[in-house]
Amino acid sequence: MMSTRIDDMLVYATQDDHLDASLYNLWRRARLHLGSPLRLPLQGLKQMVLILEDDSWVVVDEVQYDMPVLAWVEFQDSGRDNLHKPILCTLNFYHYLASRLRDKVLARMEEALEQRLSDAASENPTDIGGR
């Protein structure tokens, strides 16, 4: 499990972060229909891959044996009673330049999840609500 790997890694810096509800909800839908973990190549971000697990989203450098670069952890979603408010979480940096990746990674993640869900719906329209 990836979270065990990041638990053992030295964190360069950490900060509170929030995720748009639409992206978080997309991830939950993808996890439900596509399973977990999901490994997403990040288009345009050479050698970077995003691994989505139930308790973390981790950007790794696959050339460096999946060395973590950036990770979203500690999602504060328990007792969630709405689908439109941002989700608070912690963002861990494992490299001093990782902050430059945040917005790009989240945009690529959204594109990749939408594509995979669309592909899955094309293959089995009844499984994902005909989308």
Protein backbone atom coordinates (compact mmCIF):
# COMPACT_ATOMS: atom_id res chain seq x y z
CA MET A 1 0.00 0.00 0.00
CA MET A 2 1.43 3.38 -1.00
CA SER A 3 0.48 5.16 2.22
CA THR A 4 2.88 2.89 4.11
CA ARG A 5 5.65 3.96 1.75
CA ILE A 6 4.97 7.65 2.28
CA ASP A 7 4.66 7.19 6.04
CA ASP A 8 8.31 6.13 6.04
CA MET A 9 9.49 9.01 3.86
CA LEU A 10 10.97 12.25 5.11
CA VAL A 11 8.58 15.11 4.37
CA TYR A 12 10.32 18.23 3.09
CA ALA A 13 7.32 20.46 3.93
CA THR A 14 3.63 20.16 4.68
CA GLN A 15 0.66 22.48 4.39
CA ASP A 16 -3.08 22.49 4.74
CA ASP A 17 -4.83 22.27 1.39
CA HIS A 18 -8.33 21.99 0.02
CA LEU A 19 -9.65 20.12 -2.99
CA ASP A 20 -12.53 21.25 -5.14
CA ALA A 21 -15.59 19.20 -4.37
CA SER A 22 -16.10 18.38 -8.06
CA LEU A 23 -12.64 16.78 -8.31
CA TYR A 24 -13.03 14.90 -5.04
CA ASN A 25 -16.44 13.61 -6.13
CA LEU A 26 -15.00 12.56 -9.50
CA TRP A 27 -12.29 10.58 -7.67
CA ARG A 28 -14.90 8.89 -5.47
CA ARG A 29 -16.92 7.94 -8.55
CA ALA A 30 -13.81 6.62 -10.29
CA ARG A 31 -12.82 4.62 -7.22
CA LEU A 32 -16.30 3.09 -7.11
CA HIS A 33 -16.36 2.13 -10.80
CA LEU A 34 -12.68 1.59 -11.63
CA GLY A 35 -11.34 0.26 -8.35
CA SER A 36 -8.38 1.23 -6.25
CA PRO A 37 -5.51 1.83 -6.49
CA LEU A 38 -5.45 3.69 -9.79
CA ARG A 39 -2.18 4.56 -11.49
CA LEU A 40 -2.45 7.57 -13.81
CA PRO A 41 0.36 8.74 -16.08
CA LEU A 42 0.47 12.54 -15.97
CA GLN A 43 0.40 13.83 -19.53
CA GLY A 44 3.14 16.40 -20.10
CA LEU A 45 4.83 15.76 -16.75
CA LYS A 46 7.74 13.58 -17.77
CA GLN A 47 8.18 10.44 -15.63
CA MET A 48 5.56 11.56 -13.08
CA VAL A 49 2.67 9.23 -12.21
CA LEU A 50 -0.23 9.78 -9.85
CA ILE A 51 -1.25 6.83 -7.67
CA LEU A 52 -4.75 7.19 -6.25
CA GLU A 53 -5.50 5.05 -3.23
CA ASP A 54 -8.35 5.07 -0.74
CA ASP A 55 -6.45 7.22 1.75
CA SER A 56 -3.95 9.17 -0.38
CA TRP A 57 -3.13 10.65 -3.77
CA VAL A 58 0.61 10.36 -4.37
CA VAL A 59 2.68 11.78 -7.21
CA VAL A 60 5.72 9.59 -7.78
CA ASP A 61 8.75 9.68 -10.02
CA GLU A 62 8.54 6.32 -11.76
CA VAL A 63 12.13 6.55 -13.01
CA GLN A 64 13.26 6.79 -9.38
CA TYR A 65 11.47 3.59 -8.31
CA ASP A 66 8.22 5.43 -7.48
CA MET A 67 9.89 7.87 -5.12
CA PRO A 68 7.15 10.17 -3.73
CA VAL A 69 7.27 13.79 -4.83
CA LEU A 70 3.93 15.16 -3.60
CA ALA A 71 1.03 13.64 -1.67
CA TRP A 72 -2.47 14.59 -0.60
CA VAL A 73 -3.34 12.81 2.65
CA GLU A 74 -5.65 13.07 5.66
CA PHE A 75 -8.80 13.87 3.69
CA GLN A 76 -11.31 15.40 6.10
CA ASP A 77 -14.44 13.90 4.63
CA SER A 78 -15.98 12.01 7.54
CA GLY A 79 -19.50 13.16 8.35
CA ARG A 80 -19.68 14.99 5.05
CA ASP A 81 -23.26 16.21 4.56
CA ASN A 82 -22.86 18.06 1.25
CA LEU A 83 -21.31 17.53 -2.15
CA HIS A 84 -20.35 21.08 -3.04
CA LYS A 85 -17.96 22.25 -0.31
CA PRO A 86 -14.19 21.83 -0.70
CA ILE A 87 -12.50 18.95 1.08
CA LEU A 88 -9.75 19.85 3.52
CA CYS A 89 -6.60 17.73 3.50
CA THR A 90 -2.87 17.84 4.09
CA LEU A 91 -0.42 18.29 1.26
CA ASN A 92 3.03 16.74 1.79
CA PHE A 93 6.04 17.79 -0.24
CA TYR A 94 8.90 15.32 -0.66
CA HIS A 95 10.94 17.48 -3.02
CA TYR A 96 11.76 21.18 -2.82
CA LEU A 97 10.23 21.91 -6.26
CA ALA A 98 7.07 19.85 -5.76
CA SER A 99 4.86 22.88 -5.15
CA ARG A 100 5.15 23.70 -8.86
CA LEU A 101 3.32 20.48 -9.70
CA ARG A 102 0.16 20.85 -7.60
CA ASP A 103 -2.18 22.60 -10.04
CA LYS A 104 -0.87 20.72 -13.08
CA VAL A 105 -1.32 17.35 -11.36
CA LEU A 106 -4.89 18.11 -10.31
CA ALA A 107 -5.81 19.24 -13.83
CA ARG A 108 -4.25 16.11 -15.40
CA MET A 109 -5.97 13.95 -12.79
CA GLU A 110 -9.37 15.36 -13.69
CA GLU A 111 -8.78 14.81 -17.41
CA ALA A 112 -7.53 11.25 -16.89
CA LEU A 113 -10.38 10.22 -14.58
CA GLU A 114 -13.02 11.66 -16.89
CA GLN A 115 -11.47 9.79 -19.81
CA ARG A 116 -11.25 6.49 -17.96
CA LEU A 117 -14.85 6.77 -16.74
CA SER A 118 -15.99 7.63 -20.26
CA ASP A 119 -14.10 4.66 -21.68
CA ALA A 120 -15.56 2.37 -19.02
CA ALA A 121 -19.06 3.67 -19.73
CA SER A 122 -18.59 2.97 -23.44
CA GLU A 123 -17.58 -0.59 -22.68
CA ASN A 124 -20.38 -1.22 -20.17
CA PRO A 125 -23.02 1.55 -20.21
CA THR A 126 -25.22 -0.01 -17.51
CA ASP A 127 -22.37 -0.14 -15.00
CA ILE A 128 -21.76 3.63 -14.87
CA GLY A 129 -25.24 4.95 -15.35
CA GLY A 130 -25.16 5.19 -19.13
CA ARG A 131 -22.61 7.98 -19.25
